[in-house]
Amino acid sequence: MADLSVKIHDMQLKNPVMTASGTFGYGLEFADLVPLDGLGGIIVKGTTLHPREGNDYPRMAETASGMLNCVGLQNKGVYHFCRSIYPEIKDIDTNFIVNVSGSSPDDYAECASRLRALEKIPAIELNISCPNVKQGGMAFGVTCEGAASVVRAVRKRWPKTMIVKLSPNVTNIADIARAVESEGADSVSLINTLMGMAIDAEKRKPVLSIGTGGLSGPAVKPVALRMVWQVAKAVKIPVVGLGGIMNALDAIEFMLAGATAIEVGTANFIDPTATIKIRDGINKWLDDHGCKSVQEIIGALDA
């Protein structure tokens, strides 16, 4: 057995495999299929200050080598999470990380503040791909100023580990990463979904209810790898890689590109046990290649 443990700021992970927000519920939904305490971390579905209904159906569509979604952050709000979900997950021996979303920096900060008192929540992941209502719906994460404004506001009210999830729908993702690092981000995760579209030619209408949605799955992996590699060279904080990771070899590639840990998303819809298979596959690859620790391959790309 190789040593699979990694560290993201103050948060120790048993292994580098985490779940991507929105693809694993609150973890409890997978408890009969996956030993939850065998994962490095579980990033729960997007949580907002107030309840959200999400977008109308249809809001998911299969595409070539991937899927589109426009769920719209449907959730019952942070108060429901604290009151009803947290008591059910707090004694499970893994890291539960809350993905925090909002429509203004104050929304993000207030949501994070409500989570601060929960002892068994060691970290949050800021989803800065949410629309900034004060800027006409433009996502915070597509400008350095917008991304920095969210991190700055949350940092004042969240003392524990803060991971910032970056949008790939930008010109230079390294600039965004440096901007959030300068405001106190402890780690960055990337990539979030790429904007895409599916059309029903017979109906001459978009497949998704709002026209466009986020593309995920194997189709985005080359883009995600490139961006992880660029960001890992641009910042000093740990990078978490995601985007089309379907098996252990995919995960190894992300770590070679500079990712300290990885998140598994779309693969969970195809195989609910994908995370554990990837964890075990990473260990086998390390053993087969004479590596005693996963640390030996992080950022070890010969390029």
C-alpha atoms as a PDB file:
ATOM      1  CA  MET A   1       0.000   0.000   0.000  1.00  0.00           C
ATOM      2  CA  ALA A   2       1.319   3.406  -0.979  1.00  0.00           C
ATOM      3  CA  ASP A   3       0.726   6.398   1.285  1.00  0.00           C
ATOM      4  CA  LEU A   4      -2.263   8.137  -0.318  1.00  0.00           C
ATOM      5  CA  SER A   5      -2.633  10.938   2.227  1.00  0.00           C
ATOM      6  CA  VAL A   6      -2.554  14.550   1.074  1.00  0.00           C
ATOM      7  CA  LYS A   7      -3.147  17.904   2.717  1.00  0.00           C
ATOM      8  CA  ILE A   8      -5.092  20.938   1.557  1.00  0.00           C
ATOM      9  CA  HIS A   9      -4.126  23.805   3.841  1.00  0.00           C
ATOM     10  CA  ASP A  10      -5.168  22.608   7.323  1.00  0.00           C
ATOM     11  CA  MET A  11      -7.349  19.765   6.041  1.00  0.00           C
ATOM     12  CA  GLN A  12      -5.824  16.283   6.056  1.00  0.00           C
ATOM     13  CA  LEU A  13      -7.231  13.810   3.510  1.00  0.00           C
ATOM     14  CA  LYS A  14      -6.831  10.030   3.754  1.00  0.00           C
ATOM     15  CA  ASN A  15      -6.487   9.933   0.002  1.00  0.00           C
ATOM     16  CA  PRO A  16      -6.786  12.441  -2.857  1.00  0.00           C
ATOM     17  CA  VAL A  17     -10.243  11.332  -4.044  1.00  0.00           C
ATOM     18  CA  MET A  18     -13.168  13.653  -3.369  1.00  0.00           C
ATOM     19  CA  THR A  19     -16.624  13.962  -4.893  1.00  0.00           C
ATOM     20  CA  ALA A  20     -17.644  16.919  -7.035  1.00  0.00           C
ATOM     21  CA  SER A  21     -20.473  19.078  -5.775  1.00  0.00           C
ATOM     22  CA  GLY A  22     -23.870  18.307  -7.256  1.00  0.00           C
ATOM     23  CA  THR A  23     -22.964  14.759  -8.296  1.00  0.00           C
ATOM     24  CA  PHE A  24     -23.030  12.977  -4.945  1.00  0.00           C
ATOM     25  CA  GLY A  25     -25.883  14.653  -3.074  1.00  0.00           C
ATOM     26  CA  TYR A  26     -24.991  14.940   0.590  1.00  0.00           C
ATOM     27  CA  GLY A  27     -23.157  11.619   0.521  1.00  0.00           C
ATOM     28  CA  LEU A  28     -25.926   9.862   2.406  1.00  0.00           C
ATOM     29  CA  GLU A  29     -27.600   8.931  -0.873  1.00  0.00           C
ATOM     30  CA  PHE A  30     -24.569   6.775  -1.741  1.00  0.00           C
ATOM     31  CA  ALA A  31     -24.043   5.230   1.703  1.00  0.00           C
ATOM     32  CA  ASP A  32     -25.423   1.823   0.675  1.00  0.00           C
ATOM     33  CA  LEU A  33     -23.088   1.684  -2.318  1.00  0.00           C
ATOM     34  CA  VAL A  34     -19.851   3.320  -1.190  1.00  0.00           C
ATOM     35  CA  PRO A  35     -18.007   3.272   2.170  1.00  0.00           C
ATOM     36  CA  LEU A  36     -18.132   7.010   2.708  1.00  0.00           C
ATOM     37  CA  ASP A  37     -15.308   6.910   5.239  1.00  0.00           C
ATOM     38  CA  GLY A  38     -13.076   5.498   2.507  1.00  0.00           C
ATOM     39  CA  LEU A  39     -13.048   8.767   0.578  1.00  0.00           C
ATOM     40  CA  GLY A  40     -10.714  11.699   1.076  1.00  0.00           C
ATOM     41  CA  GLY A  41     -13.623  14.089   1.125  1.00  0.00           C
ATOM     42  CA  ILE A  42     -17.237  14.630   0.102  1.00  0.00           C
ATOM     43  CA  ILE A  43     -18.204  17.990  -1.345  1.00  0.00           C
ATOM     44  CA  VAL A  44     -21.932  18.313  -0.818  1.00  0.00           C
ATOM     45  CA  LYS A  45     -24.352  19.857  -3.272  1.00  0.00           C
ATOM     46  CA  GLY A  46     -24.383  23.629  -3.764  1.00  0.00           C
ATOM     47  CA  THR A  47     -25.756  25.462  -0.743  1.00  0.00           C
ATOM     48  CA  THR A  48     -27.150  28.993  -0.736  1.00  0.00           C
ATOM     49  CA  LEU A  49     -28.232  31.395   1.991  1.00  0.00           C
ATOM     50  CA  HIS A  50     -31.907  30.974   1.078  1.00  0.00           C
ATOM     51  CA  PRO A  51     -33.769  28.034  -0.506  1.00  0.00           C
ATOM     52  CA  ARG A  52     -33.724  27.830  -4.307  1.00  0.00           C
ATOM     53  CA  GLU A  53     -36.142  25.990  -6.589  1.00  0.00           C
ATOM     54  CA  GLY A  54     -33.696  25.689  -9.466  1.00  0.00           C
ATOM     55  CA  ASN A  55     -34.560  25.834 -13.153  1.00  0.00           C
ATOM     56  CA  ASP A  56     -37.513  24.258 -14.925  1.00  0.00           C
ATOM     57  CA  TYR A  57     -37.237  20.807 -16.491  1.00  0.00           C
ATOM     58  CA  PRO A  58     -35.665  19.508 -18.652  1.00  0.00           C
ATOM     59  CA  ARG A  59     -32.392  20.468 -17.027  1.00  0.00           C
ATOM     60  CA  MET A  60     -30.088  17.581 -17.931  1.00  0.00           C
ATOM     61  CA  ALA A  61     -29.143  16.254 -21.344  1.00  0.00           C
ATOM     62  CA  GLU A  62     -26.720  13.586 -22.528  1.00  0.00           C
ATOM     63  CA  THR A  63     -24.149  14.645 -25.110  1.00  0.00           C
ATOM     64  CA  ALA A  64     -21.302  12.940 -26.942  1.00  0.00           C
ATOM     65  CA  SER A  65     -18.772  11.962 -24.231  1.00  0.00           C
ATOM     66  CA  GLY A  66     -20.498  14.026 -21.587  1.00  0.00           C
ATOM     67  CA  MET A  67     -23.614  15.667 -20.252  1.00  0.00           C
ATOM     68  CA  LEU A  68     -25.172  19.107 -19.940  1.00  0.00           C
ATOM     69  CA  ASN A  69     -26.965  20.386 -16.863  1.00  0.00           C
ATOM     70  CA  CYS A  70     -28.762  23.550 -15.826  1.00  0.00           C
ATOM     71  CA  VAL A  71     -30.111  22.398 -12.458  1.00  0.00           C
ATOM     72  CA  GLY A  72     -29.799  25.926 -11.100  1.00  0.00           C
ATOM     73  CA  LEU A  73     -28.534  25.230  -7.579  1.00  0.00           C
ATOM     74  CA  GLN A  74     -31.756  23.720  -6.280  1.00  0.00           C
ATOM     75  CA  ASN A  75     -31.383  23.344  -2.509  1.00  0.00           C
ATOM     76  CA  LYS A  76     -33.238  24.033   0.725  1.00  0.00           C
ATOM     77  CA  GLY A  77     -30.781  26.633   1.985  1.00  0.00           C
ATOM     78  CA  VAL A  78     -28.040  26.749   4.581  1.00  0.00           C
ATOM     79  CA  TYR A  79     -30.400  26.723   7.576  1.00  0.00           C
ATOM     80  CA  HIS A  80     -31.861  23.392   6.412  1.00  0.00           C
ATOM     81  CA  PHE A  81     -28.354  22.020   5.961  1.00  0.00           C
ATOM     82  CA  CYS A  82     -27.317  23.017   9.475  1.00  0.00           C
ATOM     83  CA  ARG A  83     -30.498  21.744  11.091  1.00  0.00           C
ATOM     84  CA  SER A  84     -31.299  18.589   9.132  1.00  0.00           C
ATOM     85  CA  ILE A  85     -28.294  17.398   7.102  1.00  0.00           C
ATOM     86  CA  TYR A  86     -25.329  18.148   9.342  1.00  0.00           C
ATOM     87  CA  PRO A  87     -26.537  15.940  12.249  1.00  0.00           C
ATOM     88  CA  GLU A  88     -26.740  13.010   9.813  1.00  0.00           C
ATOM     89  CA  ILE A  89     -23.196  13.377   8.435  1.00  0.00           C
ATOM     90  CA  LYS A  90     -21.119  14.814  11.281  1.00  0.00           C
ATOM     91  CA  ASP A  91     -20.017  11.452  12.677  1.00  0.00           C
ATOM     92  CA  ILE A  92     -18.920   9.944   9.356  1.00  0.00           C
ATOM     93  CA  ASP A  93     -15.132   9.679   9.305  1.00  0.00           C
ATOM     94  CA  THR A  94     -14.288  11.784   6.261  1.00  0.00           C
ATOM     95  CA  ASN A  95     -14.087  15.466   5.339  1.00  0.00           C
ATOM     96  CA  PHE A  96     -17.429  17.015   4.500  1.00  0.00           C
ATOM     97  CA  ILE A  97     -16.974  20.207   2.511  1.00  0.00           C
ATOM     98  CA  VAL A  98     -19.850  22.538   1.715  1.00  0.00           C
ATOM     99  CA  ASN A  99     -20.064  24.101  -1.724  1.00  0.00           C
ATOM    100  CA  VAL A 100     -21.227  27.680  -1.120  1.00  0.00           C
ATOM    101  CA  SER A 101     -22.988  29.799  -3.731  1.00  0.00           C
ATOM    102  CA  GLY A 102     -24.575  33.248  -3.784  1.00  0.00           C
ATOM    103  CA  SER A 103     -25.681  36.221  -5.845  1.00  0.00           C
ATOM    104  CA  SER A 104     -23.549  38.816  -4.039  1.00  0.00           C
ATOM    105  CA  PRO A 105     -20.372  38.792  -1.927  1.00  0.00           C
ATOM    106  CA  ASP A 106     -22.517  39.395   1.153  1.00  0.00           C
ATOM    107  CA  ASP A 107     -24.647  36.339   0.323  1.00  0.00           C
ATOM    108  CA  TYR A 108     -21.563  34.145   0.130  1.00  0.00           C
ATOM    109  CA  ALA A 109     -20.144  35.574   3.347  1.00  0.00           C
ATOM    110  CA  GLU A 110     -23.361  35.169   5.302  1.00  0.00           C
ATOM    111  CA  CYS A 111     -23.831  31.601   4.097  1.00  0.00           C
ATOM    112  CA  ALA A 112     -20.258  30.739   5.097  1.00  0.00           C
ATOM    113  CA  SER A 113     -20.754  32.401   8.465  1.00  0.00           C
ATOM    114  CA  ARG A 114     -23.757  30.161   9.205  1.00  0.00           C
ATOM    115  CA  LEU A 115     -21.524  27.121   8.625  1.00  0.00           C
ATOM    116  CA  ARG A 116     -18.669  28.390  10.787  1.00  0.00           C
ATOM    117  CA  ALA A 117     -20.020  26.916  14.019  1.00  0.00           C
ATOM    118  CA  LEU A 118     -20.232  23.386  12.568  1.00  0.00           C
ATOM    119  CA  GLU A 119     -17.166  21.694  14.027  1.00  0.00           C
ATOM    120  CA  LYS A 120     -17.118  18.794  11.559  1.00  0.00           C
ATOM    121  CA  ILE A 121     -17.140  21.027   8.470  1.00  0.00           C
ATOM    122  CA  PRO A 122     -13.408  21.699   7.938  1.00  0.00           C
ATOM    123  CA  ALA A 123     -13.705  23.565   4.651  1.00  0.00           C
ATOM    124  CA  ILE A 124     -15.958  25.253   2.135  1.00  0.00           C
ATOM    125  CA  GLU A 125     -15.697  25.387  -1.637  1.00  0.00           C
ATOM    126  CA  LEU A 126     -16.805  28.705  -3.144  1.00  0.00           C
ATOM    127  CA  ASN A 127     -18.657  28.363  -6.413  1.00  0.00           C
ATOM    128  CA  ILE A 128     -17.829  31.675  -8.088  1.00  0.00           C
ATOM    129  CA  SER A 129     -19.568  30.696 -11.312  1.00  0.00           C
ATOM    130  CA  CYS A 130     -22.821  32.076  -9.907  1.00  0.00           C
ATOM    131  CA  PRO A 131     -24.380  35.127 -11.595  1.00  0.00           C
ATOM    132  CA  ASN A 132     -23.590  38.473 -10.003  1.00  0.00           C
ATOM    133  CA  VAL A 133     -26.978  40.197  -9.951  1.00  0.00           C
ATOM    134  CA  LYS A 134     -25.340  43.615  -9.622  1.00  0.00           C
ATOM    135  CA  GLN A 135     -23.410  43.078 -12.865  1.00  0.00           C
ATOM    136  CA  GLY A 136     -26.280  41.979 -15.063  1.00  0.00           C
ATOM    137  CA  GLY A 137     -25.900  38.272 -14.401  1.00  0.00           C
ATOM    138  CA  MET A 138     -22.202  37.967 -15.273  1.00  0.00           C
ATOM    139  CA  ALA A 139     -20.545  35.223 -13.238  1.00  0.00           C
ATOM    140  CA  PHE A 140     -18.193  36.382 -10.482  1.00  0.00           C
ATOM    141  CA  GLY A 141     -15.530  33.970 -11.634  1.00  0.00           C
ATOM    142  CA  VAL A 142     -15.007  35.414 -15.106  1.00  0.00           C
ATOM    143  CA  THR A 143     -13.159  38.541 -13.918  1.00  0.00           C
ATOM    144  CA  CYS A 144     -10.305  38.960 -11.463  1.00  0.00           C
ATOM    145  CA  GLU A 145     -12.212  41.730  -9.693  1.00  0.00           C
ATOM    146  CA  GLY A 146     -15.400  39.689  -9.334  1.00  0.00           C
ATOM    147  CA  ALA A 147     -13.608  36.593  -8.081  1.00  0.00           C
ATOM    148  CA  ALA A 148     -11.507  38.603  -5.639  1.00  0.00           C
ATOM    149  CA  SER A 149     -14.556  40.404  -4.249  1.00  0.00           C
ATOM    150  CA  VAL A 150     -16.200  37.133  -3.179  1.00  0.00           C
ATOM    151  CA  VAL A 151     -13.056  35.707  -1.600  1.00  0.00           C
ATOM    152  CA  ARG A 152     -12.354  38.969   0.214  1.00  0.00           C
ATOM    153  CA  ALA A 153     -15.853  39.057   1.726  1.00  0.00           C
ATOM    154  CA  VAL A 154     -15.868  35.409   2.775  1.00  0.00           C
ATOM    155  CA  ARG A 155     -12.336  35.479   4.192  1.00  0.00           C
ATOM    156  CA  LYS A 156     -13.464  37.999   6.810  1.00  0.00           C
ATOM    157  CA  ARG A 157     -16.048  35.548   8.151  1.00  0.00           C
ATOM    158  CA  TRP A 158     -14.627  32.096   7.445  1.00  0.00           C
ATOM    159  CA  PRO A 159     -11.434  31.177   9.339  1.00  0.00           C
ATOM    160  CA  LYS A 160     -11.114  27.579   8.155  1.00  0.00           C
ATOM    161  CA  THR A 161      -9.935  26.153   4.836  1.00  0.00           C
ATOM    162  CA  MET A 162     -11.372  27.915   1.785  1.00  0.00           C
ATOM    163  CA  ILE A 163     -11.265  26.281  -1.645  1.00  0.00           C
ATOM    164  CA  VAL A 164     -12.320  28.455  -4.584  1.00  0.00           C
ATOM    165  CA  LYS A 165     -13.857  26.678  -7.581  1.00  0.00           C
ATOM    166  CA  LEU A 166     -12.792  28.365 -10.791  1.00  0.00           C
ATOM    167  CA  SER A 167     -14.791  28.813 -13.979  1.00  0.00           C
ATOM    168  CA  PRO A 168     -13.158  27.699 -17.231  1.00  0.00           C
ATOM    169  CA  ASN A 169     -15.194  30.222 -19.221  1.00  0.00           C
ATOM    170  CA  VAL A 170     -12.423  32.819 -19.073  1.00  0.00           C
ATOM    171  CA  THR A 171      -9.555  34.101 -21.187  1.00  0.00           C
ATOM    172  CA  ASN A 172      -6.752  33.464 -18.678  1.00  0.00           C
ATOM    173  CA  ILE A 173      -7.581  31.183 -15.754  1.00  0.00           C
ATOM    174  CA  ALA A 174      -4.138  31.666 -14.188  1.00  0.00           C
ATOM    175  CA  ASP A 175      -4.931  35.346 -13.652  1.00  0.00           C
ATOM    176  CA  ILE A 176      -8.170  34.447 -11.841  1.00  0.00           C
ATOM    177  CA  ALA A 177      -6.305  31.927  -9.694  1.00  0.00           C
ATOM    178  CA  ARG A 178      -3.695  34.494  -8.701  1.00  0.00           C
ATOM    179  CA  ALA A 179      -6.441  36.995  -7.869  1.00  0.00           C
ATOM    180  CA  VAL A 180      -8.196  34.669  -5.418  1.00  0.00           C
ATOM    181  CA  GLU A 181      -4.882  33.542  -3.927  1.00  0.00           C
ATOM    182  CA  SER A 182      -3.990  37.163  -3.202  1.00  0.00           C
ATOM    183  CA  GLU A 183      -7.264  37.616  -1.290  1.00  0.00           C
ATOM    184  CA  GLY A 184      -6.713  34.619   0.975  1.00  0.00           C
ATOM    185  CA  ALA A 185      -7.908  31.504  -0.849  1.00  0.00           C
ATOM    186  CA  ASP A 186      -6.259  28.410   0.639  1.00  0.00           C
ATOM    187  CA  SER A 187      -6.779  26.288  -2.472  1.00  0.00           C
ATOM    188  CA  VAL A 188      -8.401  26.390  -5.897  1.00  0.00           C
ATOM    189  CA  SER A 189     -10.447  23.677  -7.599  1.00  0.00           C
ATOM    190  CA  LEU A 190     -10.905  23.519 -11.353  1.00  0.00           C
ATOM    191  CA  ILE A 191     -12.583  23.248 -13.661  1.00  0.00           C
ATOM    192  CA  ASN A 192     -16.241  23.970 -13.217  1.00  0.00           C
ATOM    193  CA  THR A 193     -18.415  23.139 -16.234  1.00  0.00           C
ATOM    194  CA  LEU A 194     -17.941  24.631 -19.688  1.00  0.00           C
ATOM    195  CA  MET A 195     -20.922  26.435 -21.179  1.00  0.00           C
ATOM    196  CA  GLY A 196     -22.613  24.352 -23.861  1.00  0.00           C
ATOM    197  CA  MET A 197     -25.870  23.741 -25.681  1.00  0.00           C
ATOM    198  CA  ALA A 198     -27.944  20.915 -27.146  1.00  0.00           C
ATOM    199  CA  ILE A 199     -30.637  21.342 -29.807  1.00  0.00           C
ATOM    200  CA  ASP A 200     -33.606  19.148 -30.737  1.00  0.00           C
ATOM    201  CA  ALA A 201     -33.633  19.492 -34.529  1.00  0.00           C
ATOM    202  CA  GLU A 202     -37.159  18.055 -34.902  1.00  0.00           C
ATOM    203  CA  LYS A 203     -38.669  20.545 -32.469  1.00  0.00           C
ATOM    204  CA  ARG A 204     -36.203  23.285 -33.476  1.00  0.00           C
ATOM    205  CA  LYS A 205     -35.765  24.091 -29.815  1.00  0.00           C
ATOM    206  CA  PRO A 206     -32.990  23.860 -27.232  1.00  0.00           C
ATOM    207  CA  VAL A 207     -33.065  20.618 -25.239  1.00  0.00           C
ATOM    208  CA  LEU A 208     -32.526  22.396 -21.911  1.00  0.00           C
ATOM    209  CA  SER A 209     -35.211  24.634 -20.447  1.00  0.00           C
ATOM    210  CA  ILE A 210     -32.998  27.720 -20.314  1.00  0.00           C
ATOM    211  CA  GLY A 211     -31.186  27.034 -23.581  1.00  0.00           C
ATOM    212  CA  THR A 212     -27.662  26.513 -22.325  1.00  0.00           C
ATOM    213  CA  GLY A 213     -26.025  24.500 -19.552  1.00  0.00           C
ATOM    214  CA  GLY A 214     -22.772  23.294 -18.096  1.00  0.00           C
ATOM    215  CA  LEU A 215     -20.873  20.618 -20.008  1.00  0.00           C
ATOM    216  CA  SER A 216     -19.099  17.938 -17.959  1.00  0.00           C
ATOM    217  CA  GLY A 217     -17.693  14.463 -18.488  1.00  0.00           C
ATOM    218  CA  PRO A 218     -14.839  13.040 -20.610  1.00  0.00           C
ATOM    219  CA  ALA A 219     -15.357  15.682 -23.312  1.00  0.00           C
ATOM    220  CA  VAL A 220     -13.941  18.427 -21.059  1.00  0.00           C
ATOM    221  CA  LYS A 221     -10.925  16.517 -19.728  1.00  0.00           C
ATOM    222  CA  PRO A 222      -8.277  17.903 -22.134  1.00  0.00           C
ATOM    223  CA  VAL A 223      -9.353  21.455 -21.311  1.00  0.00           C
ATOM    224  CA  ALA A 224      -9.368  20.714 -17.585  1.00  0.00           C
ATOM    225  CA  LEU A 225      -5.905  19.136 -17.686  1.00  0.00           C
ATOM    226  CA  ARG A 226      -4.493  22.133 -19.525  1.00  0.00           C
ATOM    227  CA  MET A 227      -5.977  24.579 -17.057  1.00  0.00           C
ATOM    228  CA  VAL A 228      -4.854  22.608 -13.985  1.00  0.00           C
ATOM    229  CA  TRP A 229      -1.323  22.521 -15.393  1.00  0.00           C
ATOM    230  CA  GLN A 230      -1.352  26.275 -16.021  1.00  0.00           C
ATOM    231  CA  VAL A 231      -2.774  27.160 -12.611  1.00  0.00           C
ATOM    232  CA  ALA A 232      -0.456  24.808 -10.685  1.00  0.00           C
ATOM    233  CA  LYS A 233       2.488  26.721 -12.148  1.00  0.00           C
ATOM    234  CA  ALA A 234       0.917  30.099 -11.369  1.00  0.00           C
ATOM    235  CA  VAL A 235       0.010  29.762  -7.667  1.00  0.00           C
ATOM    236  CA  LYS A 236       1.597  28.446  -4.477  1.00  0.00           C
ATOM    237  CA  ILE A 237      -1.615  27.097  -2.923  1.00  0.00           C
ATOM    238  CA  PRO A 238      -2.828  23.510  -3.529  1.00  0.00           C
ATOM    239  CA  VAL A 239      -4.801  22.806  -6.691  1.00  0.00           C
ATOM    240  CA  VAL A 240      -7.726  20.372  -6.808  1.00  0.00           C
ATOM    241  CA  GLY A 241      -8.350  18.960 -10.281  1.00  0.00           C
ATOM    242  CA  LEU A 242     -11.640  17.898 -11.813  1.00  0.00           C
ATOM    243  CA  GLY A 243     -13.244  17.600 -15.206  1.00  0.00           C
ATOM    244  CA  GLY A 244     -13.858  14.300 -16.943  1.00  0.00           C
ATOM    245  CA  ILE A 245     -12.134  12.043 -14.411  1.00  0.00           C
ATOM    246  CA  MET A 246     -13.635   8.621 -15.084  1.00  0.00           C
ATOM    247  CA  ASN A 247     -10.924   6.251 -13.863  1.00  0.00           C
ATOM    248  CA  ALA A 248      -7.673   6.061 -11.922  1.00  0.00           C
ATOM    249  CA  LEU A 249      -5.477   6.856 -14.901  1.00  0.00           C
ATOM    250  CA  ASP A 250      -7.400  10.090 -15.456  1.00  0.00           C
ATOM    251  CA  ALA A 251      -6.775  10.995 -11.803  1.00  0.00           C
ATOM    252  CA  ILE A 252      -3.055  10.194 -12.127  1.00  0.00           C
ATOM    253  CA  GLU A 253      -2.816  12.524 -15.127  1.00  0.00           C
ATOM    254  CA  PHE A 254      -4.344  15.394 -13.147  1.00  0.00           C
ATOM    255  CA  MET A 255      -1.907  14.856 -10.293  1.00  0.00           C
ATOM    256  CA  LEU A 256       1.040  14.747 -12.670  1.00  0.00           C
ATOM    257  CA  ALA A 257      -0.216  18.084 -14.017  1.00  0.00           C
ATOM    258  CA  GLY A 258      -0.025  19.523 -10.493  1.00  0.00           C
ATOM    259  CA  ALA A 259      -3.247  18.611  -8.675  1.00  0.00           C
ATOM    260  CA  THR A 260      -2.862  17.700  -4.999  1.00  0.00           C
ATOM    261  CA  ALA A 261      -6.311  16.098  -4.965  1.00  0.00           C
ATOM    262  CA  ILE A 262      -9.066  15.377  -7.462  1.00  0.00           C
ATOM    263  CA  GLU A 263     -12.854  15.421  -7.604  1.00  0.00           C
ATOM    264  CA  VAL A 264     -15.027  12.836  -9.330  1.00  0.00           C
ATOM    265  CA  GLY A 265     -18.275  14.145 -10.811  1.00  0.00           C
ATOM    266  CA  THR A 266     -20.087  12.841 -13.865  1.00  0.00           C
ATOM    267  CA  ALA A 267     -18.602   9.349 -13.362  1.00  0.00           C
ATOM    268  CA  ASN A 268     -20.827   8.989 -10.278  1.00  0.00           C
ATOM    269  CA  PHE A 269     -23.929   9.008 -12.507  1.00  0.00           C
ATOM    270  CA  ILE A 270     -22.553   6.148 -14.602  1.00  0.00           C
ATOM    271  CA  ASP A 271     -21.035   4.070 -11.802  1.00  0.00           C
ATOM    272  CA  PRO A 272     -21.970   4.988  -8.212  1.00  0.00           C
ATOM    273  CA  THR A 273     -18.846   3.173  -6.971  1.00  0.00           C
ATOM    274  CA  ALA A 274     -16.475   5.082  -9.278  1.00  0.00           C
ATOM    275  CA  THR A 275     -14.796   6.993  -6.439  1.00  0.00           C
ATOM    276  CA  ILE A 276     -13.670   3.883  -4.572  1.00  0.00           C
ATOM    277  CA  LYS A 277     -12.513   2.213  -7.785  1.00  0.00           C
ATOM    278  CA  ILE A 278     -10.466   5.312  -8.599  1.00  0.00           C
ATOM    279  CA  ARG A 279      -8.958   5.367  -5.096  1.00  0.00           C
ATOM    280  CA  ASP A 280      -7.928   1.718  -5.365  1.00  0.00           C
ATOM    281  CA  GLY A 281      -6.691   2.219  -8.907  1.00  0.00           C
ATOM    282  CA  ILE A 282      -4.437   5.092  -7.838  1.00  0.00           C
ATOM    283  CA  ASN A 283      -2.911   2.852  -5.181  1.00  0.00           C
ATOM    284  CA  LYS A 284      -2.316   0.052  -7.688  1.00  0.00           C
ATOM    285  CA  TRP A 285      -0.692   2.441 -10.182  1.00  0.00           C
ATOM    286  CA  LEU A 286       1.635   3.774  -7.500  1.00  0.00           C
ATOM    287  CA  ASP A 287       2.567   0.240  -6.419  1.00  0.00           C
ATOM    288  CA  ASP A 288       3.141  -0.827 -10.031  1.00  0.00           C
ATOM    289  CA  HIS A 289       5.424   2.157 -10.594  1.00  0.00           C
ATOM    290  CA  GLY A 290       7.415   1.777  -7.378  1.00  0.00           C
ATOM    291  CA  CYS A 291       6.003   4.888  -5.703  1.00  0.00           C
ATOM    292  CA  LYS A 292       5.742   4.804  -1.924  1.00  0.00           C
ATOM    293  CA  SER A 293       3.617   7.938  -1.704  1.00  0.00           C
ATOM    294  CA  VAL A 294       1.195   9.828  -3.910  1.00  0.00           C
ATOM    295  CA  GLN A 295       3.262  12.915  -3.123  1.00  0.00           C
ATOM    296  CA  GLU A 296       5.902  11.593  -5.533  1.00  0.00           C
ATOM    297  CA  ILE A 297       3.707  12.220  -8.575  1.00  0.00           C
ATOM    298  CA  ILE A 298       2.089  15.579  -7.729  1.00  0.00           C
ATOM    299  CA  GLY A 299       3.390  18.057 -10.289  1.00  0.00           C
ATOM    300  CA  ALA A 300       5.871  15.514 -11.638  1.00  0.00           C
ATOM    301  CA  LEU A 301       4.988  16.065 -15.298  1.00  0.00           C
ATOM    302  CA  ASP A 302       8.091  16.128 -17.475  1.00  0.00           C
ATOM    303  CA  ALA A 303       7.247  19.205 -19.521  1.00  0.00           C
END
